[in-house]
C-alpha atoms as a PDB file:
ATOM      1  CA  MET A   1    -256.890 148.394 135.485  1.00  0.00           C
ATOM      2  CA  THR A   2    -255.747 145.440 133.312  1.00  0.00           C
ATOM      3  CA  VAL A   3    -256.845 142.183 134.383  1.00  0.00           C
ATOM      4  CA  PRO A   4    -254.200 139.444 134.111  1.00  0.00           C
ATOM      5  CA  ASP A   5    -254.725 136.438 131.879  1.00  0.00           C
ATOM      6  CA  LEU A   6    -255.042 133.437 134.314  1.00  0.00           C
ATOM      7  CA  THR A   7    -255.948 130.977 131.701  1.00  0.00           C
ATOM      8  CA  PRO A   8    -253.812 127.631 131.837  1.00  0.00           C
ATOM      9  CA  ASP A   9    -252.250 128.279 128.359  1.00  0.00           C
ATOM     10  CA  HIS A  10    -251.004 131.676 129.376  1.00  0.00           C
ATOM     11  CA  GLN A  11    -249.866 130.343 132.332  1.00  0.00           C
ATOM     12  CA  ALA A  12    -247.880 127.537 130.687  1.00  0.00           C
ATOM     13  CA  ASP A  13    -246.338 130.053 128.479  1.00  0.00           C
ATOM     14  CA  THR A  14    -245.177 132.231 131.310  1.00  0.00           C
ATOM     15  CA  LEU A  15    -243.739 129.432 133.165  1.00  0.00           C
ATOM     16  CA  ARG A  16    -241.969 127.678 129.936  1.00  0.00           C
ATOM     17  CA  PRO A  17    -238.523 129.019 129.760  1.00  0.00           C
ATOM     18  CA  LYS A  18    -237.316 130.641 126.690  1.00  0.00           C
ATOM     19  CA  GLU A  19    -234.806 129.072 124.771  1.00  0.00           C
ATOM     20  CA  PRO A  20    -231.288 130.797 124.710  1.00  0.00           C
ATOM     21  CA  ILE A  21    -230.031 132.520 122.001  1.00  0.00           C
ATOM     22  CA  GLY A  22    -226.869 130.758 121.347  1.00  0.00           C
ATOM     23  CA  PRO A  23    -228.227 127.438 120.643  1.00  0.00           C
ATOM     24  CA  ARG A  24    -230.739 128.812 118.186  1.00  0.00           C
ATOM     25  CA  VAL A  25    -227.862 130.531 116.411  1.00  0.00           C
ATOM     26  CA  THR A  26    -225.732 127.398 116.630  1.00  0.00           C
ATOM     27  CA  ARG A  27    -228.745 125.456 115.120  1.00  0.00           C
ATOM     28  CA  TRP A  28    -229.051 127.950 112.248  1.00  0.00           C
ATOM     29  CA  VAL A  29    -225.188 128.074 111.440  1.00  0.00           C
ATOM     30  CA  VAL A  30    -225.300 124.372 111.126  1.00  0.00           C
ATOM     31  CA  THR A  31    -228.213 124.204 108.882  1.00  0.00           C
ATOM     32  CA  ILE A  32    -226.498 126.773 106.614  1.00  0.00           C
ATOM     33  CA  ALA A  33    -223.333 124.930 106.597  1.00  0.00           C
ATOM     34  CA  ILE A  34    -225.036 121.739 105.399  1.00  0.00           C
ATOM     35  CA  VAL A  35    -227.606 123.515 102.843  1.00  0.00           C
ATOM     36  CA  VAL A  36    -225.243 125.894 101.467  1.00  0.00           C
ATOM     37  CA  PRO A  37    -222.577 123.336 100.338  1.00  0.00           C
ATOM     38  CA  PHE A  38    -225.316 120.782  99.252  1.00  0.00           C
ATOM     39  CA  ILE A  39    -226.648 123.488  96.580  1.00  0.00           C
ATOM     40  CA  TRP A  40    -222.983 124.353  95.542  1.00  0.00           C
ATOM     41  CA  ALA A  41    -222.387 120.827  94.894  1.00  0.00           C
ATOM     42  CA  VAL A  42    -225.783 120.112  92.861  1.00  0.00           C
ATOM     43  CA  ILE A  43    -224.985 123.162  90.802  1.00  0.00           C
ATOM     44  CA  GLY A  44    -221.202 121.745  90.278  1.00  0.00           C
ATOM     45  CA  LEU A  45    -222.743 118.405  89.104  1.00  0.00           C
ATOM     46  CA  GLU A  46    -224.800 120.341  86.338  1.00  0.00           C
ATOM     47  CA  ILE A  47    -227.527 118.347  87.371  1.00  0.00           C
ATOM     48  CA  SER A  48    -230.422 119.511  84.911  1.00  0.00           C
ATOM     49  CA  PRO A  49    -234.021 118.778  84.858  1.00  0.00           C
ATOM     50  CA  GLU A  50    -233.974 117.745  81.428  1.00  0.00           C
ATOM     51  CA  ARG A  51    -231.499 115.035  82.258  1.00  0.00           C
ATOM     52  CA  MET A  52    -233.335 113.985  85.314  1.00  0.00           C
ATOM     53  CA  TYR A  53    -236.325 113.630  83.123  1.00  0.00           C
ATOM     54  CA  ARG A  54    -234.621 111.584  80.509  1.00  0.00           C
ATOM     55  CA  ALA A  55    -232.816 109.292  82.798  1.00  0.00           C
ATOM     56  CA  PRO A  56    -235.622 106.665  83.722  1.00  0.00           C
ATOM     57  CA  ALA A  57    -236.264 106.113  80.072  1.00  0.00           C
ATOM     58  CA  GLU A  58    -232.649 105.414  79.150  1.00  0.00           C
ATOM     59  CA  VAL A  59    -232.205 103.363  82.316  1.00  0.00           C
ATOM     60  CA  TRP A  60    -235.392 101.167  80.982  1.00  0.00           C
ATOM     61  CA  VAL A  61    -233.996 100.791  77.543  1.00  0.00           C
ATOM     62  CA  LEU A  62    -230.733  99.282  79.192  1.00  0.00           C
ATOM     63  CA  LEU A  63    -232.715  96.790  81.115  1.00  0.00           C
ATOM     64  CA  THR A  64    -234.605  95.793  78.509  1.00  0.00           C
ATOM     65  CA  GLY A  65    -231.778  95.176  76.463  1.00  0.00           C
ATOM     66  CA  MET A  66    -230.034  93.275  78.909  1.00  0.00           C
ATOM     67  CA  PHE A  67    -233.188  90.970  79.917  1.00  0.00           C
ATOM     68  CA  PRO A  68    -233.819  88.217  79.057  1.00  0.00           C
ATOM     69  CA  PRO A  69    -230.373  87.246  79.902  1.00  0.00           C
ATOM     70  CA  ASP A  70    -228.431  84.969  77.765  1.00  0.00           C
ATOM     71  CA  PHE A  71    -226.327  82.330  79.341  1.00  0.00           C
ATOM     72  CA  ASP A  72    -224.895  80.775  76.252  1.00  0.00           C
ATOM     73  CA  ASP A  73    -221.279  81.627  77.614  1.00  0.00           C
ATOM     74  CA  SER A  74    -222.166  80.458  81.377  1.00  0.00           C
ATOM     75  CA  GLY A  75    -218.741  78.672  81.541  1.00  0.00           C
ATOM     76  CA  ARG A  76    -216.792  81.946  80.630  1.00  0.00           C
ATOM     77  CA  ILE A  77    -219.142  83.718  83.126  1.00  0.00           C
ATOM     78  CA  VAL A  78    -218.250  81.154  85.855  1.00  0.00           C
ATOM     79  CA  ALA A  79    -214.425  81.262  85.117  1.00  0.00           C
ATOM     80  CA  LYS A  80    -214.531  85.045  85.470  1.00  0.00           C
ATOM     81  CA  LEU A  81    -216.470  84.831  88.439  1.00  0.00           C
ATOM     82  CA  LEU A  82    -213.995  82.717  90.112  1.00  0.00           C
ATOM     83  CA  GLU A  83    -211.209  84.924  88.928  1.00  0.00           C
ATOM     84  CA  SER A  84    -212.658  87.698  90.900  1.00  0.00           C
ATOM     85  CA  ILE A  85    -213.226  85.581  94.130  1.00  0.00           C
ATOM     86  CA  TYR A  86    -209.445  84.547  93.569  1.00  0.00           C
ATOM     87  CA  ILE A  87    -208.438  88.387  93.311  1.00  0.00           C
ATOM     88  CA  ALA A  88    -210.634  89.390  96.392  1.00  0.00           C
ATOM     89  CA  TRP A  89    -209.371  86.129  98.574  1.00  0.00           C
ATOM     90  CA  ILE A  90    -205.503  86.900  97.749  1.00  0.00           C
ATOM     91  CA  GLY A  91    -206.169  90.555  98.150  1.00  0.00           C
ATOM     92  CA  THR A  92    -207.601  90.022 101.700  1.00  0.00           C
ATOM     93  CA  MET A  93    -205.211  87.461 102.823  1.00  0.00           C
ATOM     94  CA  MET A  94    -202.299  90.048 101.812  1.00  0.00           C
ATOM     95  CA  GLY A  95    -204.413  92.450 103.904  1.00  0.00           C
ATOM     96  CA  ALA A  96    -204.899  90.588 106.805  1.00  0.00           C
ATOM     97  CA  VAL A  97    -201.221  89.011 107.139  1.00  0.00           C
ATOM     98  CA  PHE A  98    -199.474  92.576 106.749  1.00  0.00           C
ATOM     99  CA  SER A  99    -202.049  94.671 108.582  1.00  0.00           C
ATOM    100  CA  PHE A 100    -201.962  92.437 111.775  1.00  0.00           C
ATOM    101  CA  PRO A 101    -198.309  93.503 112.958  1.00  0.00           C
ATOM    102  CA  LEU A 102    -199.058  97.115 111.544  1.00  0.00           C
ATOM    103  CA  SER A 103    -202.105  97.432 113.672  1.00  0.00           C
ATOM    104  CA  PHE A 104    -199.841  96.894 117.001  1.00  0.00           C
ATOM    105  CA  MET A 105    -197.277  99.220 115.779  1.00  0.00           C
ATOM    106  CA  ALA A 106    -200.212 101.772 115.177  1.00  0.00           C
ATOM    107  CA  ALA A 107    -201.976 101.243 118.627  1.00  0.00           C
ATOM    108  CA  THR A 108    -200.992 103.988 121.106  1.00  0.00           C
ATOM    109  CA  ASN A 109    -201.507 101.838 124.026  1.00  0.00           C
ATOM    110  CA  VAL A 110    -198.806  99.254 122.738  1.00  0.00           C
ATOM    111  CA  ALA A 111    -196.226 101.182 120.743  1.00  0.00           C
ATOM    112  CA  PRO A 112    -194.764 104.453 121.653  1.00  0.00           C
ATOM    113  CA  ARG A 113    -195.539 107.526 120.115  1.00  0.00           C
ATOM    114  CA  TRP A 114    -192.539 107.700 117.682  1.00  0.00           C
ATOM    115  CA  MET A 115    -193.832 104.676 116.130  1.00  0.00           C
ATOM    116  CA  ALA A 116    -197.641 104.910 116.445  1.00  0.00           C
ATOM    117  CA  ILE A 117    -197.877 108.165 114.671  1.00  0.00           C
ATOM    118  CA  PRO A 118    -195.491 107.424 111.678  1.00  0.00           C
ATOM    119  CA  THR A 119    -197.343 104.083 111.243  1.00  0.00           C
ATOM    120  CA  ARG A 120    -200.808 105.710 111.316  1.00  0.00           C
ATOM    121  CA  ALA A 121    -199.739 108.236 108.703  1.00  0.00           C
ATOM    122  CA  GLY A 122    -198.646 105.341 106.591  1.00  0.00           C
ATOM    123  CA  LEU A 123    -202.066 103.759 107.112  1.00  0.00           C
ATOM    124  CA  SER A 124    -203.835 106.718 105.985  1.00  0.00           C
ATOM    125  CA  ALA A 125    -201.545 107.291 102.924  1.00  0.00           C
ATOM    126  CA  ILE A 126    -202.638 103.934 101.796  1.00  0.00           C
ATOM    127  CA  ARG A 127    -206.394 104.278 102.132  1.00  0.00           C
ATOM    128  CA  ALA A 128    -206.143 107.847 100.413  1.00  0.00           C
ATOM    129  CA  PHE A 129    -205.557 105.807  97.049  1.00  0.00           C
ATOM    130  CA  PRO A 130    -208.607 103.726  96.184  1.00  0.00           C
ATOM    131  CA  GLU A 131    -208.400 100.355  94.371  1.00  0.00           C
ATOM    132  CA  LEU A 132    -208.870 101.691  91.086  1.00  0.00           C
ATOM    133  CA  ILE A 133    -206.061 104.244  91.232  1.00  0.00           C
ATOM    134  CA  LEU A 134    -203.888 101.479  92.700  1.00  0.00           C
ATOM    135  CA  ALA A 135    -204.673  98.833  89.845  1.00  0.00           C
ATOM    136  CA  ILE A 136    -203.777 101.731  87.101  1.00  0.00           C
ATOM    137  CA  ILE A 137    -200.452 102.619  88.857  1.00  0.00           C
ATOM    138  CA  LEU A 138    -199.822  99.038  89.448  1.00  0.00           C
ATOM    139  CA  ILE A 139    -200.567  98.312  85.644  1.00  0.00           C
ATOM    140  CA  VAL A 140    -197.232  99.973  84.806  1.00  0.00           C
ATOM    141  CA  PRO A 141    -194.677  97.653  86.616  1.00  0.00           C
ATOM    142  CA  PHE A 142    -196.905  94.264  86.690  1.00  0.00           C
ATOM    143  CA  GLY A 143    -198.894  94.694  83.512  1.00  0.00           C
ATOM    144  CA  LEU A 144    -202.759  93.755  83.100  1.00  0.00           C
ATOM    145  CA  GLY A 145    -204.360  90.859  84.703  1.00  0.00           C
ATOM    146  CA  PRO A 146    -205.709  89.323  87.850  1.00  0.00           C
ATOM    147  CA  PHE A 147    -202.152  89.734  89.726  1.00  0.00           C
ATOM    148  CA  THR A 148    -202.449  93.356  89.717  1.00  0.00           C
ATOM    149  CA  GLY A 149    -205.908  93.514  90.783  1.00  0.00           C
ATOM    150  CA  ALA A 150    -205.245  91.460  93.830  1.00  0.00           C
ATOM    151  CA  LEU A 151    -202.044  93.632  94.572  1.00  0.00           C
ATOM    152  CA  ALA A 152    -204.361  96.601  94.409  1.00  0.00           C
ATOM    153  CA  ILE A 153    -206.873  95.263  96.863  1.00  0.00           C
ATOM    154  CA  GLY A 154    -204.076  93.937  99.048  1.00  0.00           C
ATOM    155  CA  LEU A 155    -202.635  97.304  99.544  1.00  0.00           C
ATOM    156  CA  HIS A 156    -205.689  98.981  99.975  1.00  0.00           C
ATOM    157  CA  SER A 157    -206.848  96.272 102.571  1.00  0.00           C
ATOM    158  CA  ILE A 158    -203.730  96.800 104.537  1.00  0.00           C
ATOM    159  CA  GLY A 159    -204.562 100.606 105.005  1.00  0.00           C
ATOM    160  CA  THR A 160    -207.984  99.842 106.215  1.00  0.00           C
ATOM    161  CA  LEU A 161    -207.653  96.769 107.995  1.00  0.00           C
ATOM    162  CA  GLY A 162    -204.757  98.092 109.720  1.00  0.00           C
ATOM    163  CA  LYS A 163    -206.666 101.073 111.073  1.00  0.00           C
ATOM    164  CA  LEU A 164    -209.680  99.244 112.049  1.00  0.00           C
ATOM    165  CA  SER A 165    -207.479  96.625 113.942  1.00  0.00           C
ATOM    166  CA  SER A 166    -205.317  99.006 115.817  1.00  0.00           C
ATOM    167  CA  GLU A 167    -208.734 101.036 117.184  1.00  0.00           C
ATOM    168  CA  VAL A 168    -209.821  97.453 118.042  1.00  0.00           C
ATOM    169  CA  ILE A 169    -206.604  96.811 120.004  1.00  0.00           C
ATOM    170  CA  GLU A 170    -206.885 100.629 121.517  1.00  0.00           C
ATOM    171  CA  GLY A 171    -210.194  99.538 122.990  1.00  0.00           C
ATOM    172  CA  VAL A 172    -209.473  96.391 124.916  1.00  0.00           C
ATOM    173  CA  ASP A 173    -209.775  95.946 128.539  1.00  0.00           C
ATOM    174  CA  GLU A 174    -206.650  96.979 130.221  1.00  0.00           C
ATOM    175  CA  GLY A 175    -207.035  94.720 133.412  1.00  0.00           C
ATOM    176  CA  PRO A 176    -205.515  91.448 131.771  1.00  0.00           C
ATOM    177  CA  ILE A 177    -202.723  93.612 130.263  1.00  0.00           C
ATOM    178  CA  GLU A 178    -201.920  95.287 133.595  1.00  0.00           C
ATOM    179  CA  ALA A 179    -202.246  91.773 135.504  1.00  0.00           C
ATOM    180  CA  ILE A 180    -199.584  90.024 133.190  1.00  0.00           C
ATOM    181  CA  SER A 181    -197.536  93.131 133.482  1.00  0.00           C
ATOM    182  CA  SER A 182    -197.600  93.041 137.433  1.00  0.00           C
ATOM    183  CA  ALA A 183    -196.554  89.298 137.256  1.00  0.00           C
ATOM    184  CA  GLY A 184    -193.515  90.107 135.462  1.00  0.00           C
ATOM    185  CA  GLY A 185    -194.791  89.346 131.900  1.00  0.00           C
ATOM    186  CA  THR A 186    -192.951  91.038 128.984  1.00  0.00           C
ATOM    187  CA  LEU A 187    -194.492  93.444 126.263  1.00  0.00           C
ATOM    188  CA  MET A 188    -194.778  90.247 124.049  1.00  0.00           C
ATOM    189  CA  GLU A 189    -196.448  88.236 126.573  1.00  0.00           C
ATOM    190  CA  GLN A 190    -198.814  91.085 127.400  1.00  0.00           C
ATOM    191  CA  MET A 191    -199.776  91.389 123.929  1.00  0.00           C
ATOM    192  CA  ARG A 192    -200.039  87.293 123.156  1.00  0.00           C
ATOM    193  CA  PHE A 193    -201.982  86.732 126.131  1.00  0.00           C
ATOM    194  CA  GLY A 194    -203.618  89.940 127.066  1.00  0.00           C
ATOM    195  CA  ILE A 195    -204.586  91.724 123.918  1.00  0.00           C
ATOM    196  CA  VAL A 196    -204.522  89.120 121.352  1.00  0.00           C
ATOM    197  CA  PRO A 197    -207.679  86.898 122.835  1.00  0.00           C
ATOM    198  CA  GLN A 198    -209.791  90.006 123.383  1.00  0.00           C
ATOM    199  CA  ALA A 199    -209.103  91.543 120.105  1.00  0.00           C
ATOM    200  CA  MET A 200    -208.840  88.585 117.809  1.00  0.00           C
ATOM    201  CA  PRO A 201    -212.624  87.898 117.079  1.00  0.00           C
ATOM    202  CA  THR A 202    -213.263  91.545 116.249  1.00  0.00           C
ATOM    203  CA  ILE A 203    -210.324  91.619 113.988  1.00  0.00           C
ATOM    204  CA  VAL A 204    -211.278  88.252 112.032  1.00  0.00           C
ATOM    205  CA  SER A 205    -214.718  89.815 111.631  1.00  0.00           C
ATOM    206  CA  TYR A 206    -213.086  92.563 109.941  1.00  0.00           C
ATOM    207  CA  TRP A 207    -211.438  90.576 107.663  1.00  0.00           C
ATOM    208  CA  LEU A 208    -214.432  88.579 106.713  1.00  0.00           C
ATOM    209  CA  TYR A 209    -216.301  92.023 106.127  1.00  0.00           C
ATOM    210  CA  ARG A 210    -213.341  93.344 104.237  1.00  0.00           C
ATOM    211  CA  PHE A 211    -213.433  90.132 101.585  1.00  0.00           C
ATOM    212  CA  GLU A 212    -217.216  91.142 101.085  1.00  0.00           C
ATOM    213  CA  ILE A 213    -216.071  94.387 100.059  1.00  0.00           C
ATOM    214  CA  ASN A 214    -213.286  93.259  98.158  1.00  0.00           C
ATOM    215  CA  ILE A 215    -215.453  90.867  95.598  1.00  0.00           C
ATOM    216  CA  ARG A 216    -217.385  94.097  94.817  1.00  0.00           C
ATOM    217  CA  ALA A 217    -214.147  95.796  94.109  1.00  0.00           C
ATOM    218  CA  SER A 218    -212.636  93.110  92.198  1.00  0.00           C
ATOM    219  CA  ALA A 219    -215.609  93.322  89.901  1.00  0.00           C
ATOM    220  CA  VAL A 220    -214.928  96.869  89.624  1.00  0.00           C
ATOM    221  CA  LEU A 221    -211.173  96.421  88.758  1.00  0.00           C
ATOM    222  CA  GLY A 222    -211.908  94.724  85.464  1.00  0.00           C
ATOM    223  CA  LEU A 223    -212.938  98.296  84.007  1.00  0.00           C
ATOM    224  CA  VAL A 224    -209.102  98.997  83.850  1.00  0.00           C
ATOM    225  CA  GLY A 225    -208.039  95.318  82.848  1.00  0.00           C
ATOM    226  CA  ALA A 226    -206.933  94.071  86.136  1.00  0.00           C
ATOM    227  CA  GLY A 227    -209.010  91.042  85.807  1.00  0.00           C
ATOM    228  CA  GLY A 228    -212.390  89.588  87.240  1.00  0.00           C
ATOM    229  CA  ILE A 229    -215.912  89.562  85.877  1.00  0.00           C
ATOM    230  CA  GLY A 230    -215.786  93.464  85.505  1.00  0.00           C
ATOM    231  CA  ALA A 231    -213.711  92.851  82.137  1.00  0.00           C
ATOM    232  CA  GLU A 232    -216.296  90.504  81.017  1.00  0.00           C
ATOM    233  CA  ILE A 233    -219.038  93.018  81.321  1.00  0.00           C
ATOM    234  CA  VAL A 234    -217.280  95.974  80.016  1.00  0.00           C
ATOM    235  CA  ALA A 235    -216.391  94.000  76.574  1.00  0.00           C
ATOM    236  CA  ARG A 236    -219.837  92.835  76.302  1.00  0.00           C
ATOM    237  CA  LEU A 237    -221.249  96.276  76.963  1.00  0.00           C
ATOM    238  CA  SER A 238    -218.474  98.521  74.912  1.00  0.00           C
ATOM    239  CA  PHE A 239    -217.197  96.512  72.129  1.00  0.00           C
ATOM    240  CA  ARG A 240    -219.599  94.107  70.993  1.00  0.00           C
ATOM    241  CA  ALA A 241    -222.889  95.442  72.416  1.00  0.00           C
ATOM    242  CA  ASP A 242    -224.086  91.896  73.497  1.00  0.00           C
ATOM    243  CA  TRP A 243    -226.449  93.210  76.047  1.00  0.00           C
ATOM    244  CA  PRO A 244    -228.244  90.048  76.833  1.00  0.00           C
ATOM    245  CA  LYS A 245    -224.974  88.389  77.837  1.00  0.00           C
ATOM    246  CA  ALA A 246    -223.988  91.210  79.928  1.00  0.00           C
ATOM    247  CA  GLY A 247    -227.211  90.864  81.697  1.00  0.00           C
ATOM    248  CA  ALA A 248    -226.283  87.433  82.312  1.00  0.00           C
ATOM    249  CA  ALA A 249    -222.829  88.298  83.735  1.00  0.00           C
ATOM    250  CA  LEU A 250    -224.407  91.001  85.746  1.00  0.00           C
ATOM    251  CA  LEU A 251    -226.981  88.665  87.445  1.00  0.00           C
ATOM    252  CA  ALA A 252    -224.134  86.155  88.196  1.00  0.00           C
ATOM    253  CA  THR A 253    -222.255  88.969  89.770  1.00  0.00           C
ATOM    254  CA  VAL A 254    -225.152  90.049  92.045  1.00  0.00           C
ATOM    255  CA  ALA A 255    -226.039  86.190  93.086  1.00  0.00           C
ATOM    256  CA  VAL A 256    -222.144  85.523  93.895  1.00  0.00           C
ATOM    257  CA  VAL A 257    -222.160  88.917  96.165  1.00  0.00           C
ATOM    258  CA  LEU A 258    -225.351  88.144  98.031  1.00  0.00           C
ATOM    259  CA  ILE A 259    -224.195  84.363  98.712  1.00  0.00           C
ATOM    260  CA  VAL A 260    -220.945  85.550  99.903  1.00  0.00           C
ATOM    261  CA  ASP A 261    -222.608  88.442 102.015  1.00  0.00           C
ATOM    262  CA  ALA A 262    -225.011  85.824 103.386  1.00  0.00           C
ATOM    263  CA  VAL A 263    -222.392  83.124 104.524  1.00  0.00           C
ATOM    264  CA  SER A 264    -219.892  85.832 105.744  1.00  0.00           C
ATOM    265  CA  SER A 265    -222.637  87.690 107.998  1.00  0.00           C
ATOM    266  CA  SER A 266    -223.370  84.512 109.638  1.00  0.00           C
ATOM    267  CA  ILE A 267    -219.782  83.591 110.489  1.00  0.00           C
ATOM    268  CA  ARG A 268    -218.901  87.088 111.602  1.00  0.00           C
ATOM    269  CA  ARG A 269    -222.097  86.956 113.663  1.00  0.00           C
ATOM    270  CA  ARG A 270    -220.893  83.470 115.195  1.00  0.00           C
ATOM    271  CA  ILE A 271    -217.452  84.782 115.770  1.00  0.00           C
ATOM    272  CA  ILE A 272    -218.631  87.978 117.881  1.00  0.00           C
ATOM    273  CA  THR A 273    -221.728  86.821 119.472  1.00  0.00           C
ATOM    274  CA  GLY A 274    -221.843  83.007 119.349  1.00  0.00           C
ATOM    275  CA  GLN A 275    -224.868  82.864 117.616  1.00  0.00           C
ATOM    276  CA  PRO A 276    -225.853  82.255 114.026  1.00  0.00           C
ATOM    277  CA  SER A 277    -227.334  84.974 111.768  1.00  0.00           C
ATOM    278  CA  THR A 278    -231.374  85.257 111.693  1.00  0.00           C
ATOM    279  CA  SER A 279    -231.688  86.705 108.255  1.00  0.00           C
ATOM    280  CA  MET A 280    -233.477  84.144 105.880  1.00  0.00           C
ATOM    281  CA  LEU A 281    -230.923  84.566 103.175  1.00  0.00           C
ATOM    282  CA  SER A 282    -228.295  83.375 105.551  1.00  0.00           C
ATOM    283  CA  LYS A 283    -230.383  80.564 106.970  1.00  0.00           C
ATOM    284  CA  GLY A 284    -231.108  79.314 103.654  1.00  0.00           C
ATOM    285  CA  MET A 285    -227.077  79.574 102.548  1.00  0.00           C
ATOM    286  CA  ILE A 286    -226.166  77.795 105.916  1.00  0.00           C
ATOM    287  CA  ALA A 287    -228.884  75.024 105.170  1.00  0.00           C
ATOM    288  CA  ILE A 288    -227.298  74.443 101.725  1.00  0.00           C
ATOM    289  CA  THR A 289    -223.472  74.978 102.508  1.00  0.00           C
ATOM    290  CA  GLY A 290    -223.650  73.608 105.771  1.00  0.00           C
ATOM    291  CA  ALA A 291    -221.570  76.683 107.212  1.00  0.00           C
ATOM    292  CA  GLY A 292    -222.115  76.991 111.166  1.00  0.00           C
ATOM    293  CA  ARG A 293    -223.549  73.479 111.382  1.00  0.00           C
ATOM    294  CA  PRO A 294    -222.272  71.604 114.619  1.00  0.00           C
ATOM    295  CA  PRO A 295    -220.504  68.389 113.678  1.00  0.00           C
ATOM    296  CA  SER A 296    -222.211  65.145 113.670  1.00  0.00           C
ATOM    297  CA  THR A 297    -221.873  63.057 116.739  1.00  0.00           C
ATOM    298  CA  GLU A 298    -222.944  59.672 114.901  1.00  0.00           C
ATOM    299  CA  ILE A 299    -220.497  57.149 114.418  1.00  0.00           C
ATOM    300  CA  GLU A 300    -220.152  55.718 110.897  1.00  0.00           C
ATOM    301  CA  THR A 301    -220.626  52.437 110.477  1.00  0.00           C
END
């Protein structure tokens, strides 16, 4: 006669329910579906161990060539950085102005389906083309220069901001809209007094965030001659092989991007939550620029 094992571990194993076969199979299928494409992509990229071994040394050669940076042409660098900021700002304003009405046309809780579906498809088609490809296409009719870069960034911003803003509009509280409708308000009044006050803070924060992205994009557009600091960096690296001045342009670009990110993040936090940002960088920039500082109540004498 076999004596049953009554130890606590055995009893726990006996009482523990076994995992169903279905979830285990699903977990293995998901794992294979992730691992196999990853391996296939690595093979397609032709990533060799020799190349990975040589990469740190080549990066070090590039860094040692750029540093210490040469700021002799600081005036030209500042001018190109300002040009990148102009491109990003004009592109963001274009995206904000044109995407705002399109976001209402793409929102299913405001527009009919025969209008919302084509508008969504159009916004998706615009987003399908990166800024760099749009700049290359627009160079043909508009030529080289910052205006082409601003148009490319503006078009791509319309697609992105239109999609994000339409999702914000679809997520608003329906209570105020129903109250205005029951009181006899028109569709325009429902949008003006029921949707815009709820959605506008988030939409504006998206505009600011898009401005941050567009500054980085404007630097990249210089690769194809669409203006900005990117053209200066490429010229220093490729044609003249003046690496110290390229390092100066690169450092200036990074500094400008960090400053804009800090100030924009603080403003976006203030808009959404009503509280300033808590990051050290944004606090430092607020102290320097005065962004978010309450107006003085002292009377000037």
